[in-house]
């Protein structure tokens, strides 16, 4: 009967020598690590996101890590790293990444049903792929017409009228170029020219996904593009930088560009207005629209927190205004756009975007740009029949994407 107390004493003394913790302390668990959300963003958006993230951190007791990435590498880095769990929880990017992101299974659907009414239709359309919403939009952008109010007090109603006004100013020695219509000497200008092409009734893809750049409207546009080149209204030597510089110096009365060039024009003190691009054909001119937004990684370790950040902190007027202030693009949230209606530059670009269509966000679009742009360069340079150049480009694209 005396062996039990002796054995207990021996065990206790041995445990003390070994540094054992008391039984009740051994059952205690270490405090859980603070959850961390990682957000990849370019340098333009990193600063406002950091301020928004600070409030989220305080409210939720989490850590948000903002990683600045070059926009040119962000999508492909995300696609390569997300499957292994090494990528971020949230990324910022344009809507035309969406098809490839979904195709690679690296983004999750986002339930925007409770807040969909807050955003413009074109913004929601851009963030939708095959009937499913995947991203939270915060801004839209498209090309519009910047018009020098001194040189041209009244907006032209058609693109032909626009060119004629520019030609008259050049003939009078008051301008050097009739219009600043940027063309990349290596890639053409499908993005800037698309509004004119749609006014002829042509678009990139039809409702069934078929390529349509060489339909009847597309061929009419090709012939018109050749005429513009003959009138020196478009040139492969007038790059984006040169066209913008010409507008800043008063050497051209018009500049076809997006909101990214507006701050430089304002700083230069050029009296200007922002108008929707006028049509060249019988239909409306509908420019490509880019939608900027946020996506949640399908491999995120904290999807609930990521959804909380997007829906309750980024889908707010305060956040949308902060992001607008950083980039100058029209907000995707309609109430914020209405609140900023006194900003005539923003309002002009917003009106232009409202008349446009989202750039196709299907993966096949990656295979369209190069041949399409090269055909435009050939047309502008007079290297062949415009219709034939367009058909050949379309055939090459169809061979790549496997469509008829």
Protein backbone atom coordinates (compact mmCIF):
# COMPACT_ATOMS: atom_id res chain seq x y z
CA UNK A 1 0.00 0.00 0.00
CA UNK A 2 2.92 2.37 0.59
CA UNK A 3 4.40 1.78 -2.92
CA UNK A 4 1.86 4.08 -4.66
CA UNK A 5 2.88 7.28 -2.83
CA UNK A 6 6.54 6.39 -3.33
CA UNK A 7 6.02 5.76 -7.08
CA UNK A 8 4.10 9.03 -7.44
CA UNK A 9 6.86 10.96 -5.74
CA UNK A 10 9.47 9.41 -8.00
CA UNK A 11 7.47 10.30 -11.13
CA UNK A 12 7.00 13.88 -9.97
CA UNK A 13 10.66 14.34 -9.14
CA UNK A 14 11.72 12.82 -12.47
CA UNK A 15 9.36 15.08 -14.37
CA UNK A 16 10.70 18.10 -12.52
CA UNK A 17 14.24 17.19 -13.48
CA UNK A 18 13.20 16.70 -17.12
CA UNK A 19 11.43 20.04 -17.26
CA UNK A 20 7.96 18.59 -17.86
CA UNK A 21 5.02 20.97 -17.86
CA UNK A 22 2.10 20.32 -15.54
CA UNK A 23 -0.66 18.26 -17.14
CA UNK A 24 -3.06 21.17 -17.42
CA UNK A 25 -0.43 23.33 -19.22
CA UNK A 26 0.50 20.51 -21.62
CA UNK A 27 -3.04 20.55 -22.99
CA UNK A 28 -2.90 24.25 -23.86
CA UNK A 29 -2.52 25.10 -27.59
CA UNK A 30 -0.35 27.84 -29.04
CA UNK A 31 -2.25 30.96 -30.19
CA UNK A 32 -3.45 30.61 -33.79
CA UNK A 33 -1.41 32.51 -36.34
CA UNK A 34 -2.95 35.72 -37.65
CA UNK A 35 -4.65 35.03 -40.99
CA UNK A 36 -2.94 36.77 -43.91
CA UNK A 37 -4.37 37.82 -47.24
CA UNK A 38 -1.94 38.51 -50.06
CA UNK A 39 -2.98 40.92 -52.82
CA UNK A 40 -1.06 41.39 -56.05
CA UNK A 41 -1.43 44.83 -57.60
CA UNK A 42 0.48 47.17 -59.88
CA UNK A 43 2.11 50.30 -58.51
CA UNK A 44 -0.81 52.58 -59.47
CA UNK A 45 -3.24 50.68 -57.27
CA UNK A 46 -0.99 49.49 -54.47
CA UNK A 47 -1.17 52.74 -52.46
CA UNK A 48 -4.98 53.13 -52.29
CA UNK A 49 -5.33 49.41 -51.65
CA UNK A 50 -2.94 49.67 -48.72
CA UNK A 51 -5.11 52.35 -47.13
CA UNK A 52 -8.28 50.30 -47.63
CA UNK A 53 -6.51 47.22 -46.27
CA UNK A 54 -5.56 49.05 -43.06
CA UNK A 55 -9.21 49.42 -42.09
CA UNK A 56 -9.91 45.80 -43.00
CA UNK A 57 -7.00 44.69 -40.81
CA UNK A 58 -8.27 46.72 -37.86
CA UNK A 59 -11.84 45.48 -38.21
CA UNK A 60 -11.08 41.81 -38.83
CA UNK A 61 -7.85 41.26 -36.94
CA UNK A 62 -6.04 39.98 -40.00
CA UNK A 63 -2.99 40.93 -42.00
CA UNK A 64 -3.15 42.09 -45.62
CA UNK A 65 0.06 41.97 -47.63
CA UNK A 66 0.07 44.17 -50.75
CA UNK A 67 2.65 42.97 -53.28
CA UNK A 68 3.49 45.29 -56.17
CA UNK A 69 3.84 43.47 -59.47
CA UNK A 70 4.44 44.74 -62.99
CA UNK A 71 1.12 44.52 -64.82
CA UNK A 72 2.78 42.92 -67.83
CA UNK A 73 3.80 39.89 -65.76
CA UNK A 74 0.99 39.70 -63.25
CA UNK A 75 -1.46 37.45 -65.11
CA UNK A 76 1.04 34.83 -66.26
CA UNK A 77 2.81 34.75 -62.89
CA UNK A 78 -0.54 34.20 -61.21
CA UNK A 79 -1.53 31.38 -63.60
CA UNK A 80 1.80 29.62 -63.01
CA UNK A 81 1.95 30.04 -59.22
CA UNK A 82 -1.67 29.72 -58.11
CA UNK A 83 -2.03 25.93 -58.67
CA UNK A 84 0.77 25.22 -56.19
CA UNK A 85 -0.73 27.52 -53.57
CA UNK A 86 2.18 29.94 -53.86
CA UNK A 87 0.21 32.73 -55.49
CA UNK A 88 -1.87 35.51 -53.90
CA UNK A 89 -5.41 35.39 -52.53
CA UNK A 90 -6.54 38.37 -54.61
CA UNK A 91 -5.27 39.99 -57.80
CA UNK A 92 -6.09 43.23 -59.59
CA UNK A 93 -6.39 43.15 -63.34
CA UNK A 94 -8.44 43.80 -66.48
CA UNK A 95 -11.49 41.78 -67.44
CA UNK A 96 -10.00 40.39 -70.63
CA UNK A 97 -7.79 38.12 -68.52
CA UNK A 98 -10.88 36.30 -67.36
CA UNK A 99 -11.17 33.61 -70.02
CA UNK A 100 -7.62 32.42 -69.49
CA UNK A 101 -7.96 32.56 -65.70
CA UNK A 102 -11.11 30.43 -65.79
CA UNK A 103 -9.61 28.08 -68.36
CA UNK A 104 -6.71 27.44 -65.98
CA UNK A 105 -9.01 27.06 -62.97
CA UNK A 106 -7.27 29.71 -60.87
CA UNK A 107 -10.18 32.06 -60.03
CA UNK A 108 -13.39 31.50 -58.09
CA UNK A 109 -16.87 32.77 -58.96
CA UNK A 110 -17.99 35.82 -57.00
CA UNK A 111 -21.56 36.23 -55.82
CA UNK A 112 -22.32 39.85 -56.66
CA UNK A 113 -26.09 39.41 -56.69
CA UNK A 114 -26.66 41.58 -53.63
CA UNK A 115 -24.59 44.44 -55.07
CA UNK A 116 -24.97 44.04 -58.83
CA UNK A 117 -27.35 47.00 -59.06
CA UNK A 118 -24.57 49.29 -57.83
CA UNK A 119 -22.49 48.84 -60.99
CA UNK A 120 -22.87 49.81 -64.63
CA UNK A 121 -23.98 47.15 -67.07
CA UNK A 122 -20.81 47.28 -69.15
CA UNK A 123 -18.73 46.75 -66.00
CA UNK A 124 -20.74 43.70 -64.97
CA UNK A 125 -20.70 42.30 -68.51
CA UNK A 126 -16.92 42.52 -68.56
CA UNK A 127 -16.59 40.52 -65.35
CA UNK A 128 -18.94 37.79 -66.57
CA UNK A 129 -17.77 34.67 -68.37
CA UNK A 130 -20.19 32.05 -69.68
CA UNK A 131 -22.97 33.42 -67.51
CA UNK A 132 -20.94 33.45 -64.28
CA UNK A 133 -19.54 36.53 -62.51
CA UNK A 134 -15.93 36.18 -61.40
CA UNK A 135 -14.67 39.64 -60.57
CA UNK A 136 -15.53 42.81 -58.70
CA UNK A 137 -15.34 45.77 -61.11
CA UNK A 138 -14.05 49.13 -59.95
CA UNK A 139 -13.33 51.08 -63.15
CA UNK A 140 -14.05 51.16 -66.87
CA UNK A 141 -12.01 52.65 -69.68
CA UNK A 142 -12.29 53.13 -73.43
CA UNK A 143 -10.94 55.41 -76.07
CA UNK A 144 -12.75 58.67 -76.72
CA UNK A 145 -12.09 61.78 -78.76
CA UNK A 146 -10.09 64.57 -77.16
CA UNK A 147 -10.93 67.77 -79.01
CA UNK A 148 -9.00 71.05 -78.82
CA UNK A 149 -11.76 73.54 -78.05
CA UNK A 150 -9.86 76.45 -79.51
CA UNK A 151 -9.22 74.78 -82.85
CA UNK A 152 -12.60 73.02 -83.06
CA UNK A 153 -15.30 74.58 -80.84
CA UNK A 154 -18.07 72.14 -81.88
CA UNK A 155 -17.81 68.36 -81.84
CA UNK A 156 -18.01 66.75 -85.30
CA UNK A 157 -20.97 64.42 -85.88
CA UNK A 158 -19.16 61.95 -88.13
CA UNK A 159 -15.58 60.81 -88.54
CA UNK A 160 -15.56 62.14 -92.10
CA UNK A 161 -16.54 65.57 -90.77
CA UNK A 162 -13.78 65.25 -88.17
CA UNK A 163 -11.15 64.49 -90.81
CA UNK A 164 -12.37 67.34 -93.00
CA UNK A 165 -12.04 69.81 -90.12
CA UNK A 166 -8.54 68.55 -89.41
CA UNK A 167 -7.55 68.80 -93.07
CA UNK A 168 -8.80 72.38 -93.22
CA UNK A 169 -6.70 73.32 -90.20
CA UNK A 170 -3.62 71.69 -91.74
CA UNK A 171 -4.22 73.55 -95.02
CA UNK A 172 -4.52 76.82 -93.08
CA UNK A 173 -1.23 76.17 -91.31
CA UNK A 174 -2.90 75.86 -87.91
CA UNK A 175 -2.18 72.14 -87.49
CA UNK A 176 0.35 69.55 -88.62
CA UNK A 177 -1.82 66.42 -88.45
CA UNK A 178 -5.58 66.29 -89.18
CA UNK A 179 -6.10 63.82 -86.31
CA UNK A 180 -3.99 62.06 -83.74
CA UNK A 181 -5.00 58.45 -84.31
CA UNK A 182 -2.27 56.29 -82.73
CA UNK A 183 -0.88 53.32 -84.65
CA UNK A 184 1.75 50.96 -83.30
CA UNK A 185 4.25 50.49 -86.18
CA UNK A 186 4.65 46.81 -85.21
CA UNK A 187 1.18 45.87 -83.98
CA UNK A 188 -1.30 48.12 -85.76
CA UNK A 189 -4.19 49.65 -83.87
CA UNK A 190 -7.16 47.27 -83.46
CA UNK A 191 -8.00 48.71 -80.04
CA UNK A 192 -8.14 52.35 -81.17
CA UNK A 193 -9.82 51.62 -84.50
CA UNK A 194 -12.50 49.23 -83.24
CA UNK A 195 -15.12 51.95 -82.69
CA UNK A 196 -14.86 52.91 -86.36
CA UNK A 197 -15.08 49.27 -87.43
CA UNK A 198 -18.24 48.67 -85.39
CA UNK A 199 -19.88 51.66 -87.06
CA UNK A 200 -19.75 49.59 -90.26
CA UNK A 201 -21.58 46.79 -88.46
CA UNK A 202 -18.54 44.56 -87.92
CA UNK A 203 -17.31 43.05 -84.66
CA UNK A 204 -14.67 40.56 -83.55
CA UNK A 205 -16.86 37.58 -82.62
CA UNK A 206 -20.49 36.79 -83.34
CA UNK A 207 -22.99 35.44 -80.84
CA UNK A 208 -21.86 31.88 -81.56
CA UNK A 209 -18.18 32.73 -81.09
CA UNK A 210 -17.42 32.87 -84.82
CA UNK A 211 -14.80 35.34 -86.05
CA UNK A 212 -16.37 38.24 -87.96
CA UNK A 213 -13.63 40.75 -88.72
CA UNK A 214 -13.85 39.86 -92.41
CA UNK A 215 -17.63 40.04 -92.74
CA UNK A 216 -19.24 42.55 -95.12
CA UNK A 217 -18.93 45.35 -92.57
CA UNK A 218 -15.33 44.45 -91.84
CA UNK A 219 -14.44 44.67 -95.52
CA UNK A 220 -16.14 48.06 -95.82
CA UNK A 221 -14.12 49.24 -92.86
CA UNK A 222 -10.90 47.94 -94.46
CA UNK A 223 -11.61 50.01 -97.58
CA UNK A 224 -12.35 53.05 -95.41
CA UNK A 225 -9.08 52.59 -93.49
CA UNK A 226 -7.17 52.70 -96.77
CA UNK A 227 -8.91 55.99 -97.63
CA UNK A 228 -7.97 57.43 -94.24
CA UNK A 229 -4.33 56.55 -94.93
CA UNK A 230 -4.50 58.19 -98.37
CA UNK A 231 -5.86 61.35 -96.70
CA UNK A 232 -3.03 61.19 -94.12
CA UNK A 233 -5.59 60.86 -91.34
CA UNK A 234 -3.84 57.70 -90.17
CA UNK A 235 -0.18 56.77 -90.47
CA UNK A 236 2.17 54.08 -89.19
CA UNK A 237 4.57 56.86 -88.18
CA UNK A 238 2.07 58.45 -85.79
CA UNK A 239 2.60 56.36 -82.66
CA UNK A 240 0.76 56.90 -79.41
CA UNK A 241 3.53 59.04 -77.93
CA UNK A 242 3.87 61.15 -81.06
CA UNK A 243 0.10 61.63 -81.37
CA UNK A 244 -0.21 62.67 -77.74
CA UNK A 245 2.73 65.05 -78.03
CA UNK A 246 1.18 66.61 -81.13
CA UNK A 247 -2.08 67.25 -79.26
CA UNK A 248 -0.25 68.75 -76.30
CA UNK A 249 1.58 71.13 -78.66
CA UNK A 250 -1.57 72.12 -80.54
CA UNK A 251 -0.31 70.41 -83.71
CA UNK A 252 -3.47 68.34 -84.10
CA UNK A 253 -7.03 69.27 -83.15
CA UNK A 254 -8.05 65.70 -82.23
CA UNK A 255 -6.58 62.83 -80.25
CA UNK A 256 -8.08 59.34 -80.02
CA UNK A 257 -7.01 58.04 -76.65
CA UNK A 258 -8.13 56.84 -73.23
CA UNK A 259 -8.23 58.37 -69.74
CA UNK A 260 -4.57 57.51 -69.19
CA UNK A 261 -3.53 60.53 -71.32
CA UNK A 262 -5.94 63.03 -69.73
CA UNK A 263 -3.68 64.09 -66.80
CA UNK A 264 -0.91 65.15 -69.19
CA UNK A 265 -3.36 67.18 -71.28
CA UNK A 266 -4.76 68.89 -68.19
CA UNK A 267 -1.24 69.66 -66.95
CA UNK A 268 -0.32 71.15 -70.33
CA UNK A 269 -3.24 73.57 -70.08
CA UNK A 270 -4.79 72.58 -73.41
CA UNK A 271 -8.47 73.63 -73.51
CA UNK A 272 -10.16 70.39 -74.46
CA UNK A 273 -13.36 68.37 -74.34
CA UNK A 274 -13.88 64.61 -74.24
CA UNK A 275 -16.44 63.33 -76.75
CA UNK A 276 -17.48 59.83 -77.83
CA UNK A 277 -15.74 58.87 -81.06
CA UNK A 278 -18.08 59.76 -83.97
CA UNK A 279 -19.06 56.99 -86.42
CA UNK A 280 -17.49 56.44 -89.82
CA UNK A 281 -20.25 54.13 -91.06
CA UNK A 282 -24.02 54.15 -90.76
CA UNK A 283 -24.14 52.53 -87.32
CA UNK A 284 -23.02 53.63 -83.86
CA UNK A 285 -19.33 53.71 -83.02
CA UNK A 286 -18.84 51.27 -80.13
CA UNK A 287 -15.30 51.25 -78.74
CA UNK A 288 -13.69 48.41 -76.87
CA UNK A 289 -14.22 48.84 -73.13
CA UNK A 290 -11.75 47.62 -70.55
CA UNK A 291 -13.03 46.80 -67.08
CA UNK A 292 -10.60 46.83 -64.17
CA UNK A 293 -11.39 44.72 -61.13
CA UNK A 294 -10.46 42.21 -58.47
CA UNK A 295 -10.36 38.40 -58.66
CA UNK A 296 -10.18 35.80 -55.89
CA UNK A 297 -7.82 32.87 -56.31
CA UNK A 298 -9.49 29.46 -56.35
CA UNK A 299 -6.48 28.27 -54.33
CA UNK A 300 -6.81 30.90 -51.59
CA UNK A 301 -6.41 29.51 -48.07
CA UNK A 302 -8.80 32.20 -46.80
CA UNK A 303 -11.62 32.49 -49.36
CA UNK A 304 -14.15 33.77 -46.82
CA UNK A 305 -11.87 36.63 -45.82
CA UNK A 306 -11.08 37.35 -49.46
CA UNK A 307 -14.80 37.59 -50.28
CA UNK A 308 -15.28 39.83 -47.25
CA UNK A 309 -12.54 42.17 -48.45
CA UNK A 310 -14.04 42.47 -51.93
CA UNK A 311 -17.73 42.68 -51.08
CA UNK A 312 -17.63 44.75 -47.91
CA UNK A 313 -14.52 46.91 -48.31
CA UNK A 314 -13.81 47.28 -52.03
CA UNK A 315 -17.43 47.36 -53.23
CA UNK A 316 -18.02 50.63 -51.39
CA UNK A 317 -18.24 54.21 -52.62
CA UNK A 318 -15.24 55.18 -50.48
CA UNK A 319 -13.02 52.50 -52.00
CA UNK A 320 -14.20 53.17 -55.53
CA UNK A 321 -13.51 56.90 -55.13
CA UNK A 322 -10.03 56.22 -53.78
CA UNK A 323 -9.21 53.94 -56.70
CA UNK A 324 -10.58 56.51 -59.15
CA UNK A 325 -8.42 59.22 -57.63
CA UNK A 326 -5.35 57.04 -58.10
CA UNK A 327 -5.98 56.10 -61.74
CA UNK A 328 -8.46 58.62 -63.15
CA UNK A 329 -10.57 55.96 -64.85
CA UNK A 330 -14.37 56.28 -64.65
CA UNK A 331 -15.70 54.36 -61.63
CA UNK A 332 -17.67 51.18 -62.24
CA UNK A 333 -20.05 52.10 -59.42
CA UNK A 334 -22.77 54.32 -60.85
CA UNK A 335 -23.41 56.35 -57.68
CA UNK A 336 -19.75 57.34 -57.49
CA UNK A 337 -19.75 58.34 -61.15
CA UNK A 338 -22.82 60.49 -60.56
CA UNK A 339 -21.18 62.07 -57.52
CA UNK A 340 -18.17 63.00 -59.69
CA UNK A 341 -20.32 64.35 -62.53
CA UNK A 342 -18.69 67.77 -62.17
CA UNK A 343 -15.47 66.27 -63.53
CA UNK A 344 -16.11 66.80 -67.24
CA UNK A 345 -13.11 64.73 -68.30
CA UNK A 346 -14.26 61.72 -66.30
CA UNK A 347 -17.83 62.22 -67.45
CA UNK A 348 -16.76 62.33 -71.09
CA UNK A 349 -14.84 59.08 -70.86
CA UNK A 350 -17.68 57.47 -68.90
CA UNK A 351 -20.12 58.41 -71.65
CA UNK A 352 -17.81 56.95 -74.29
CA UNK A 353 -17.46 53.71 -72.32
CA UNK A 354 -21.22 53.45 -71.82
CA UNK A 355 -21.63 53.30 -75.59
CA UNK A 356 -18.94 50.63 -75.98
CA UNK A 357 -18.66 46.87 -75.59
CA UNK A 358 -16.26 44.93 -73.35
CA UNK A 359 -13.21 43.59 -75.11
CA UNK A 360 -13.87 39.85 -75.56
CA UNK A 361 -12.61 38.02 -72.48
CA UNK A 362 -12.45 34.61 -74.15
CA UNK A 363 -9.04 32.84 -74.30
CA UNK A 364 -9.19 32.89 -78.11
CA UNK A 365 -8.77 36.66 -78.09
CA UNK A 366 -5.05 36.23 -77.40
CA UNK A 367 -4.71 34.72 -80.88
CA UNK A 368 -6.59 37.55 -82.61
CA UNK A 369 -4.58 40.69 -81.95
CA UNK A 370 -1.36 40.03 -83.87
CA UNK A 371 -2.71 39.05 -87.30
CA UNK A 372 -5.53 41.57 -87.05
CA UNK A 373 -3.09 44.38 -86.31
CA UNK A 374 -0.67 43.32 -89.03
CA UNK A 375 -3.46 43.38 -91.61
CA UNK A 376 -4.23 46.96 -90.58
CA UNK A 377 -0.59 47.92 -91.01
CA UNK A 378 -0.64 46.45 -94.50
CA UNK A 379 -3.81 48.34 -95.37
CA UNK A 380 -2.45 51.64 -94.06
CA UNK A 381 0.85 51.14 -95.90
CA UNK A 382 -0.92 50.26 -99.16
CA UNK A 383 0.67 46.82 -99.39
CA UNK A 384 -2.28 45.11 -101.04
CA UNK A 385 -6.01 44.98 -101.52
CA UNK A 386 -7.68 45.88 -98.17
CA UNK A 387 -10.29 43.14 -98.49
CA UNK A 388 -7.73 40.48 -99.35
CA UNK A 389 -5.43 41.52 -96.50
CA UNK A 390 -8.36 41.32 -94.08
CA UNK A 391 -9.48 37.89 -95.34
CA UNK A 392 -5.97 36.46 -95.09
CA UNK A 393 -5.63 37.71 -91.52
CA UNK A 394 -8.99 36.20 -90.60
CA UNK A 395 -8.02 32.85 -92.12
CA UNK A 396 -4.81 32.79 -90.08
CA UNK A 397 -6.72 33.58 -86.89
CA UNK A 398 -9.28 30.86 -87.60
CA UNK A 399 -6.49 28.35 -88.09
CA UNK A 400 -5.13 29.27 -84.65
CA UNK A 401 -8.39 29.22 -82.73
CA UNK A 402 -9.96 26.36 -84.63
CA UNK A 403 -13.20 28.12 -85.59
CA UNK A 404 -14.95 28.52 -88.91
